[in-house]
């Protein structure tokens, strides 16, 4: 993945009940524009439309037409070009290893695109494990954390059902 892009996980909005996927307007690899219709969900006469929140490329579909969709279910992922952010103690990927500006022992080392992804998903970066080789929290580490949290949620739902 190009370092100028980050993966956005698109989930179902808050739903009062189970909806079905009635239409998928995109394909993997396709570029979409902001506000473009991606997926339609329906239940009886209720329709919910999932639109792209930014320009990007569809990287994976987690659903098929006819699938049951519940509150917060993962629908698709897309690659979105990111601009560098200026919040948190973010360490630029290009920083040299001998930099004395960052206290490695007491800082989270976060790639800017990962910080933005975590912000969009509401992920507390202090809970994300850094890469064991580089020590950085990148997109992959945030995505792995989210996937594990989603799996825990699915397991909990099965136990409660």
N, C-alpha and C. Protein backbone atom coordinates (compact mmCIF):
# COMPACT_ATOMS: atom_id res chain seq x y z
N UNK A 1 0.85 -1.19 0.00
CA UNK A 1 0.00 0.00 0.00
C UNK A 1 0.88 1.23 0.00
N UNK A 2 0.56 2.19 -0.82
CA UNK A 2 1.26 3.46 -0.89
C UNK A 2 1.10 4.19 0.43
N UNK A 3 2.20 4.80 0.94
CA UNK A 3 2.14 5.48 2.23
C UNK A 3 1.27 6.73 2.19
N UNK A 4 0.85 7.17 1.00
CA UNK A 4 -0.03 8.33 0.90
C UNK A 4 -1.50 7.94 1.06
N UNK A 5 -1.77 6.68 1.29
CA UNK A 5 -3.13 6.19 1.40
C UNK A 5 -3.32 5.49 2.73
N UNK A 6 -4.55 5.49 3.19
CA UNK A 6 -4.88 4.74 4.39
C UNK A 6 -6.18 3.98 4.14
N UNK A 7 -6.34 2.87 4.82
CA UNK A 7 -7.52 2.05 4.66
C UNK A 7 -8.62 2.56 5.60
N UNK A 8 -9.78 2.81 5.04
CA UNK A 8 -10.95 3.20 5.83
C UNK A 8 -11.90 2.01 5.85
N UNK A 9 -12.34 1.63 7.03
CA UNK A 9 -13.32 0.57 7.19
C UNK A 9 -14.69 1.22 7.25
N UNK A 10 -15.57 0.84 6.34
CA UNK A 10 -16.91 1.42 6.28
C UNK A 10 -17.86 0.42 6.92
N UNK A 11 -18.53 0.86 7.98
CA UNK A 11 -19.44 0.01 8.73
C UNK A 11 -20.88 0.50 8.57
N UNK A 12 -21.82 -0.38 8.87
CA UNK A 12 -23.23 0.00 8.85
C UNK A 12 -23.49 1.04 9.93
N UNK A 13 -24.39 1.97 9.67
CA UNK A 13 -24.74 2.96 10.69
C UNK A 13 -25.56 2.30 11.81
N UNK A 14 -25.97 3.10 12.77
CA UNK A 14 -26.83 2.58 13.83
C UNK A 14 -28.15 2.15 13.20
N UNK A 15 -28.49 0.89 13.38
CA UNK A 15 -29.72 0.33 12.82
C UNK A 15 -30.61 -0.15 13.94
N UNK A 16 -31.90 0.06 13.79
CA UNK A 16 -32.86 -0.37 14.80
C UNK A 16 -33.18 -1.86 14.68
N UNK A 17 -32.87 -2.43 13.52
CA UNK A 17 -33.22 -3.82 13.25
C UNK A 17 -32.28 -4.35 12.16
N UNK A 18 -32.45 -5.60 11.79
CA UNK A 18 -31.64 -6.19 10.73
C UNK A 18 -32.16 -5.73 9.37
N UNK A 19 -31.25 -5.29 8.52
CA UNK A 19 -31.56 -4.89 7.15
C UNK A 19 -30.89 -5.87 6.20
N UNK A 20 -31.30 -5.87 4.95
CA UNK A 20 -30.68 -6.71 3.93
C UNK A 20 -29.97 -5.83 2.92
N UNK A 21 -28.86 -6.34 2.37
CA UNK A 21 -28.16 -5.65 1.30
C UNK A 21 -29.00 -5.83 0.04
N UNK A 22 -29.52 -4.72 -0.49
CA UNK A 22 -30.36 -4.80 -1.69
C UNK A 22 -29.61 -4.44 -2.96
N UNK A 23 -28.54 -3.66 -2.85
CA UNK A 23 -27.79 -3.26 -4.03
C UNK A 23 -26.37 -2.91 -3.64
N UNK A 24 -25.43 -3.36 -4.46
CA UNK A 24 -24.02 -2.98 -4.32
C UNK A 24 -23.64 -2.27 -5.61
N UNK A 25 -23.37 -0.99 -5.50
CA UNK A 25 -23.15 -0.16 -6.69
C UNK A 25 -21.68 -0.04 -7.08
N UNK A 26 -20.80 -0.74 -6.40
CA UNK A 26 -19.38 -0.60 -6.66
C UNK A 26 -18.73 -1.98 -6.78
N UNK A 27 -17.50 -2.00 -7.31
CA UNK A 27 -16.73 -3.22 -7.43
C UNK A 27 -15.36 -2.99 -6.81
N UNK A 28 -14.72 -4.06 -6.38
CA UNK A 28 -13.37 -3.97 -5.84
C UNK A 28 -12.45 -3.40 -6.93
N UNK A 29 -11.63 -2.44 -6.54
CA UNK A 29 -10.70 -1.80 -7.46
C UNK A 29 -11.24 -0.53 -8.09
N UNK A 30 -12.54 -0.31 -7.96
CA UNK A 30 -13.17 0.87 -8.55
C UNK A 30 -12.87 2.12 -7.73
N UNK A 31 -12.64 3.24 -8.43
CA UNK A 31 -12.48 4.53 -7.78
C UNK A 31 -13.85 5.18 -7.63
N UNK A 32 -14.11 5.74 -6.46
CA UNK A 32 -15.39 6.40 -6.21
C UNK A 32 -15.15 7.83 -5.75
N UNK A 33 -16.16 8.64 -5.94
CA UNK A 33 -16.09 10.04 -5.53
C UNK A 33 -16.84 10.23 -4.22
N UNK A 34 -16.48 11.29 -3.51
CA UNK A 34 -17.16 11.64 -2.28
C UNK A 34 -18.66 11.74 -2.55
N UNK A 35 -19.46 11.20 -1.65
CA UNK A 35 -20.93 11.18 -1.70
C UNK A 35 -21.51 10.22 -2.73
N UNK A 36 -20.68 9.48 -3.44
CA UNK A 36 -21.19 8.50 -4.41
C UNK A 36 -21.86 7.35 -3.67
N UNK A 37 -22.99 6.88 -4.19
CA UNK A 37 -23.72 5.77 -3.58
C UNK A 37 -22.91 4.48 -3.71
N UNK A 38 -22.67 3.83 -2.57
CA UNK A 38 -21.91 2.59 -2.54
C UNK A 38 -22.82 1.37 -2.39
N UNK A 39 -23.68 1.41 -1.37
CA UNK A 39 -24.49 0.25 -1.00
C UNK A 39 -25.88 0.72 -0.57
N UNK A 40 -26.88 -0.08 -0.92
CA UNK A 40 -28.26 0.18 -0.46
C UNK A 40 -28.69 -0.96 0.44
N UNK A 41 -29.30 -0.61 1.56
CA UNK A 41 -29.85 -1.57 2.51
C UNK A 41 -31.35 -1.34 2.58
N UNK A 42 -32.12 -2.41 2.79
CA UNK A 42 -33.55 -2.20 2.98
C UNK A 42 -34.14 -3.23 3.92
N UNK A 43 -35.27 -2.81 4.49
CA UNK A 43 -36.10 -3.68 5.32
C UNK A 43 -37.52 -3.17 5.14
N UNK A 44 -38.37 -3.99 4.55
CA UNK A 44 -39.72 -3.58 4.21
C UNK A 44 -39.65 -2.32 3.35
N UNK A 45 -40.20 -1.21 3.79
CA UNK A 45 -40.15 0.03 3.01
C UNK A 45 -39.09 0.99 3.50
N UNK A 46 -38.27 0.58 4.45
CA UNK A 46 -37.18 1.42 4.94
C UNK A 46 -35.93 1.20 4.10
N UNK A 47 -35.34 2.28 3.63
CA UNK A 47 -34.12 2.21 2.83
C UNK A 47 -33.03 3.02 3.49
N UNK A 48 -31.82 2.47 3.48
CA UNK A 48 -30.65 3.18 3.98
C UNK A 48 -29.60 3.13 2.88
N UNK A 49 -29.01 4.29 2.62
CA UNK A 49 -28.01 4.40 1.56
C UNK A 49 -26.66 4.72 2.19
N UNK A 50 -25.66 3.96 1.81
CA UNK A 50 -24.30 4.16 2.30
C UNK A 50 -23.52 4.85 1.18
N UNK A 51 -23.05 6.07 1.45
CA UNK A 51 -22.31 6.86 0.48
C UNK A 51 -20.85 6.97 0.87
N UNK A 52 -20.00 7.22 -0.11
CA UNK A 52 -18.57 7.41 0.16
C UNK A 52 -18.38 8.72 0.91
N UNK A 53 -17.58 8.69 1.96
CA UNK A 53 -17.33 9.90 2.73
C UNK A 53 -16.18 10.71 2.14
N UNK A 54 -15.39 10.07 1.27
CA UNK A 54 -14.28 10.75 0.61
C UNK A 54 -14.02 10.05 -0.72
N UNK A 55 -13.23 10.69 -1.58
CA UNK A 55 -12.77 10.04 -2.81
C UNK A 55 -11.84 8.90 -2.41
N UNK A 56 -11.91 7.80 -3.14
CA UNK A 56 -11.01 6.69 -2.83
C UNK A 56 -11.23 5.50 -3.73
N UNK A 57 -10.50 4.43 -3.46
CA UNK A 57 -10.59 3.20 -4.23
C UNK A 57 -11.11 2.08 -3.34
N UNK A 58 -12.10 1.35 -3.83
CA UNK A 58 -12.67 0.22 -3.08
C UNK A 58 -11.62 -0.89 -3.03
N UNK A 59 -11.28 -1.34 -1.82
CA UNK A 59 -10.26 -2.38 -1.71
C UNK A 59 -10.83 -3.75 -1.34
N UNK A 60 -11.98 -3.79 -0.66
CA UNK A 60 -12.54 -5.09 -0.28
C UNK A 60 -14.02 -4.94 0.08
N UNK A 61 -14.82 -5.90 -0.36
CA UNK A 61 -16.23 -5.97 0.03
C UNK A 61 -16.40 -7.13 1.01
N UNK A 62 -17.01 -6.85 2.14
CA UNK A 62 -17.24 -7.88 3.15
C UNK A 62 -18.66 -8.43 3.07
N UNK A 63 -19.44 -7.99 2.10
CA UNK A 63 -20.87 -8.34 2.00
C UNK A 63 -21.22 -8.78 0.60
N UNK A 64 -22.40 -9.39 0.49
CA UNK A 64 -23.00 -9.77 -0.79
C UNK A 64 -24.46 -9.34 -0.78
N UNK A 65 -25.05 -9.23 -1.95
CA UNK A 65 -26.48 -8.91 -2.04
C UNK A 65 -27.27 -9.98 -1.31
N UNK A 66 -28.22 -9.54 -0.49
CA UNK A 66 -29.06 -10.46 0.27
C UNK A 66 -28.57 -10.73 1.69
N UNK A 67 -27.34 -10.31 2.01
CA UNK A 67 -26.81 -10.52 3.36
C UNK A 67 -27.60 -9.71 4.38
N UNK A 68 -27.74 -10.28 5.58
CA UNK A 68 -28.33 -9.56 6.70
C UNK A 68 -27.28 -8.64 7.30
N UNK A 69 -27.66 -7.39 7.56
CA UNK A 69 -26.75 -6.39 8.12
C UNK A 69 -27.34 -5.87 9.42
N UNK A 70 -26.51 -5.85 10.45
CA UNK A 70 -26.90 -5.34 11.75
C UNK A 70 -26.08 -4.09 12.09
N UNK A 71 -26.47 -3.45 13.14
CA UNK A 71 -25.82 -2.24 13.62
C UNK A 71 -24.30 -2.42 13.69
N UNK A 72 -23.54 -1.59 12.97
CA UNK A 72 -22.08 -1.59 13.06
C UNK A 72 -21.36 -2.66 12.27
N UNK A 73 -22.06 -3.50 11.51
CA UNK A 73 -21.39 -4.54 10.73
C UNK A 73 -20.43 -3.93 9.72
N UNK A 74 -19.31 -4.59 9.49
CA UNK A 74 -18.32 -4.14 8.53
C UNK A 74 -18.82 -4.42 7.12
N UNK A 75 -18.86 -3.38 6.27
CA UNK A 75 -19.40 -3.50 4.92
C UNK A 75 -18.30 -3.58 3.86
N UNK A 76 -17.34 -2.66 3.93
CA UNK A 76 -16.30 -2.60 2.92
C UNK A 76 -15.11 -1.84 3.44
N UNK A 77 -14.02 -1.92 2.71
CA UNK A 77 -12.86 -1.08 3.02
C UNK A 77 -12.47 -0.36 1.75
N UNK A 78 -11.94 0.84 1.94
CA UNK A 78 -11.48 1.62 0.79
C UNK A 78 -10.21 2.36 1.14
N UNK A 79 -9.40 2.58 0.13
CA UNK A 79 -8.15 3.31 0.29
C UNK A 79 -8.42 4.78 -0.02
N UNK A 80 -8.04 5.64 0.92
CA UNK A 80 -8.29 7.07 0.78
C UNK A 80 -6.96 7.80 0.91
N UNK A 81 -6.69 8.72 -0.01
CA UNK A 81 -5.46 9.51 0.06
C UNK A 81 -5.54 10.42 1.28
N UNK A 82 -4.47 10.45 2.04
CA UNK A 82 -4.44 11.21 3.28
C UNK A 82 -3.43 12.33 3.21
N UNK A 83 -3.75 13.42 3.85
CA UNK A 83 -2.82 14.52 4.04
C UNK A 83 -2.21 14.37 5.43
N UNK A 84 -0.97 14.80 5.62
CA UNK A 84 -0.38 14.70 6.96
C UNK A 84 -1.21 15.47 7.98
N UNK A 85 -1.33 14.90 9.17
CA UNK A 85 -2.07 15.55 10.25
C UNK A 85 -1.09 16.18 11.21
N UNK A 86 -1.56 17.07 12.03
CA UNK A 86 -0.68 17.75 12.96
C UNK A 86 -1.09 17.59 14.40
N UNK A 87 -1.82 16.52 14.73
CA UNK A 87 -2.24 16.34 16.10
C UNK A 87 -1.58 15.12 16.72
N UNK A 88 -1.64 15.01 18.01
CA UNK A 88 -0.99 13.98 18.81
C UNK A 88 0.53 14.08 18.69
N UNK A 89 1.24 13.22 19.37
CA UNK A 89 2.69 13.15 19.22
C UNK A 89 2.99 12.17 18.11
N UNK A 90 2.82 12.61 16.89
CA UNK A 90 2.99 11.74 15.74
C UNK A 90 4.42 11.82 15.25
N UNK A 91 5.02 10.67 15.02
CA UNK A 91 6.38 10.62 14.52
C UNK A 91 6.32 10.39 13.03
N UNK A 92 6.98 11.23 12.28
CA UNK A 92 7.02 11.10 10.83
C UNK A 92 7.83 9.85 10.47
N UNK A 93 7.37 9.10 9.45
CA UNK A 93 8.05 7.89 9.01
C UNK A 93 9.50 8.16 8.63
N UNK A 94 9.81 9.36 8.18
CA UNK A 94 11.13 9.65 7.67
C UNK A 94 12.10 10.07 8.77
N UNK A 95 11.68 10.10 10.02
CA UNK A 95 12.57 10.50 11.10
C UNK A 95 13.72 9.51 11.20
N UNK A 96 14.89 10.00 11.47
CA UNK A 96 16.04 9.11 11.62
C UNK A 96 15.97 8.41 12.97
N UNK A 97 16.59 7.28 13.06
CA UNK A 97 16.56 6.49 14.28
C UNK A 97 17.29 7.18 15.43
N UNK A 98 18.27 8.04 15.13
CA UNK A 98 19.04 8.67 16.19
C UNK A 98 18.48 10.04 16.57
N UNK A 99 17.24 10.32 16.18
CA UNK A 99 16.63 11.61 16.51
C UNK A 99 16.48 11.76 18.01
N UNK A 100 16.87 12.91 18.54
CA UNK A 100 16.75 13.15 19.98
C UNK A 100 15.51 13.95 20.31
N UNK A 101 14.70 14.29 19.30
CA UNK A 101 13.51 15.10 19.53
C UNK A 101 12.38 14.32 20.19
N UNK A 102 12.37 13.01 20.04
CA UNK A 102 11.28 12.20 20.55
C UNK A 102 11.79 11.29 21.65
N UNK A 103 11.11 11.29 22.79
CA UNK A 103 11.43 10.40 23.89
C UNK A 103 10.77 9.06 23.61
N UNK A 104 11.54 8.13 23.03
CA UNK A 104 11.01 6.84 22.59
C UNK A 104 10.38 6.07 23.74
N UNK A 105 10.95 6.12 24.92
CA UNK A 105 10.47 5.35 26.05
C UNK A 105 9.06 5.76 26.49
N UNK A 106 8.71 7.04 26.36
CA UNK A 106 7.45 7.53 26.90
C UNK A 106 6.50 8.09 25.84
N UNK A 107 6.73 7.79 24.58
CA UNK A 107 5.88 8.32 23.51
C UNK A 107 5.27 7.21 22.70
N UNK A 108 4.09 7.49 22.18
CA UNK A 108 3.52 6.63 21.16
C UNK A 108 4.12 7.07 19.84
N UNK A 109 4.63 6.16 19.08
CA UNK A 109 5.18 6.50 17.76
C UNK A 109 4.13 6.09 16.73
N UNK A 110 3.49 7.08 16.13
CA UNK A 110 2.32 6.84 15.29
C UNK A 110 2.55 7.44 13.91
N UNK A 111 2.33 6.66 12.89
CA UNK A 111 2.38 7.15 11.52
C UNK A 111 1.18 8.09 11.33
N UNK A 112 1.35 9.25 10.70
CA UNK A 112 0.24 10.21 10.58
C UNK A 112 -1.05 9.63 10.00
N UNK A 113 -0.94 8.81 8.96
CA UNK A 113 -2.17 8.25 8.38
C UNK A 113 -2.86 7.30 9.36
N UNK A 114 -2.10 6.62 10.21
CA UNK A 114 -2.69 5.73 11.22
C UNK A 114 -3.40 6.54 12.29
N UNK A 115 -2.84 7.69 12.64
CA UNK A 115 -3.50 8.56 13.62
C UNK A 115 -4.84 9.05 13.08
N UNK A 116 -4.87 9.39 11.81
CA UNK A 116 -6.11 9.87 11.20
C UNK A 116 -7.13 8.73 11.12
N UNK A 117 -6.69 7.54 10.72
CA UNK A 117 -7.58 6.38 10.65
C UNK A 117 -8.16 6.08 12.03
N UNK A 118 -7.31 6.07 13.04
CA UNK A 118 -7.77 5.79 14.41
C UNK A 118 -8.76 6.85 14.87
N UNK A 119 -8.51 8.09 14.51
CA UNK A 119 -9.42 9.17 14.88
C UNK A 119 -10.79 8.97 14.25
N UNK A 120 -10.80 8.62 12.97
CA UNK A 120 -12.08 8.40 12.27
C UNK A 120 -12.85 7.23 12.85
N UNK A 121 -12.14 6.20 13.30
CA UNK A 121 -12.79 5.00 13.82
C UNK A 121 -13.05 5.07 15.32
N UNK A 122 -12.56 6.13 15.97
CA UNK A 122 -12.75 6.26 17.41
C UNK A 122 -11.89 5.31 18.22
N UNK A 123 -10.72 4.97 17.69
CA UNK A 123 -9.82 4.03 18.35
C UNK A 123 -8.88 4.78 19.29
N UNK A 124 -8.79 4.30 20.52
CA UNK A 124 -7.85 4.83 21.50
C UNK A 124 -6.49 4.23 21.18
N UNK A 125 -5.58 5.05 20.68
CA UNK A 125 -4.28 4.55 20.24
C UNK A 125 -3.44 3.97 21.37
N UNK A 126 -3.74 4.33 22.61
CA UNK A 126 -2.99 3.75 23.73
C UNK A 126 -3.31 2.26 23.90
N UNK A 127 -4.39 1.78 23.27
CA UNK A 127 -4.77 0.36 23.36
C UNK A 127 -4.19 -0.47 22.22
N UNK A 128 -3.64 0.20 21.21
CA UNK A 128 -3.12 -0.48 20.02
C UNK A 128 -1.67 -0.88 20.25
N UNK A 129 -1.36 -2.14 19.96
CA UNK A 129 0.01 -2.62 20.11
C UNK A 129 0.85 -2.15 18.92
N UNK A 130 2.01 -1.56 19.18
CA UNK A 130 2.88 -1.14 18.07
C UNK A 130 3.49 -2.35 17.38
N UNK A 131 4.00 -2.12 16.19
CA UNK A 131 4.69 -3.15 15.44
C UNK A 131 5.90 -3.60 16.27
N UNK A 132 6.07 -4.90 16.45
CA UNK A 132 7.12 -5.40 17.33
C UNK A 132 8.52 -5.20 16.75
N UNK A 133 8.62 -4.93 15.46
CA UNK A 133 9.94 -4.71 14.85
C UNK A 133 10.29 -3.23 14.82
N UNK A 134 9.35 -2.40 14.35
CA UNK A 134 9.64 -0.97 14.19
C UNK A 134 9.30 -0.14 15.41
N UNK A 135 8.36 -0.61 16.23
CA UNK A 135 7.90 0.16 17.37
C UNK A 135 6.85 1.20 17.03
N UNK A 136 6.51 1.33 15.76
CA UNK A 136 5.53 2.31 15.30
C UNK A 136 4.12 1.72 15.29
N UNK A 137 3.13 2.59 15.44
CA UNK A 137 1.75 2.21 15.19
C UNK A 137 1.41 2.74 13.81
N UNK A 138 1.17 1.83 12.90
CA UNK A 138 0.82 2.17 11.52
C UNK A 138 -0.61 1.75 11.22
N UNK A 139 -1.00 1.91 9.98
CA UNK A 139 -2.35 1.53 9.55
C UNK A 139 -2.64 0.07 9.85
N UNK A 140 -1.66 -0.78 9.59
CA UNK A 140 -1.86 -2.22 9.79
C UNK A 140 -2.16 -2.55 11.24
N UNK A 141 -1.48 -1.88 12.17
CA UNK A 141 -1.71 -2.13 13.59
C UNK A 141 -3.10 -1.65 14.02
N UNK A 142 -3.52 -0.51 13.49
CA UNK A 142 -4.87 -0.01 13.80
C UNK A 142 -5.91 -0.96 13.23
N UNK A 143 -5.72 -1.39 11.98
CA UNK A 143 -6.66 -2.31 11.34
C UNK A 143 -6.74 -3.62 12.10
N UNK A 144 -5.60 -4.14 12.53
CA UNK A 144 -5.58 -5.40 13.28
C UNK A 144 -6.34 -5.24 14.60
N UNK A 145 -6.13 -4.13 15.29
CA UNK A 145 -6.84 -3.86 16.53
C UNK A 145 -8.35 -3.84 16.28
N UNK A 146 -8.79 -3.13 15.23
CA UNK A 146 -10.22 -3.03 14.92
C UNK A 146 -10.78 -4.40 14.58
N UNK A 147 -10.06 -5.19 13.79
CA UNK A 147 -10.53 -6.53 13.43
C UNK A 147 -10.70 -7.40 14.67
N UNK A 148 -9.74 -7.33 15.61
CA UNK A 148 -9.86 -8.11 16.85
C UNK A 148 -11.05 -7.65 17.67
N UNK A 149 -11.27 -6.34 17.74
CA UNK A 149 -12.41 -5.81 18.49
C UNK A 149 -13.73 -6.25 17.86
N UNK A 150 -13.78 -6.25 16.51
CA UNK A 150 -15.00 -6.69 15.82
C UNK A 150 -15.25 -8.17 16.05
N UNK A 151 -14.18 -8.97 16.05
CA UNK A 151 -14.33 -10.40 16.33
C UNK A 151 -14.85 -10.63 17.74
N UNK A 152 -14.33 -9.87 18.70
CA UNK A 152 -14.81 -9.99 20.09
C UNK A 152 -16.28 -9.64 20.17
N UNK A 153 -16.68 -8.59 19.45
CA UNK A 153 -18.08 -8.18 19.44
C UNK A 153 -18.98 -9.26 18.83
N UNK A 154 -18.53 -9.87 17.73
CA UNK A 154 -19.31 -10.95 17.11
C UNK A 154 -19.44 -12.14 18.06
N UNK A 155 -18.36 -12.49 18.74
CA UNK A 155 -18.41 -13.60 19.69
C UNK A 155 -19.35 -13.30 20.84
N UNK A 156 -19.32 -12.07 21.33
CA UNK A 156 -20.22 -11.66 22.40
C UNK A 156 -21.68 -11.74 21.93
N UNK A 157 -21.94 -11.28 20.71
CA UNK A 157 -23.32 -11.36 20.18
C UNK A 157 -23.81 -12.79 20.11
N UNK A 158 -22.92 -13.70 19.70
CA UNK A 158 -23.31 -15.12 19.62
C UNK A 158 -23.62 -15.67 21.00
N UNK A 159 -22.84 -15.27 21.99
CA UNK A 159 -23.08 -15.75 23.35
C UNK A 159 -24.39 -15.23 23.91
N UNK A 160 -24.73 -13.99 23.56
CA UNK A 160 -25.94 -13.37 24.07
C UNK A 160 -27.20 -13.80 23.31
N UNK A 161 -27.02 -14.36 22.11
CA UNK A 161 -28.18 -14.75 21.29
C UNK A 161 -28.83 -16.02 21.77
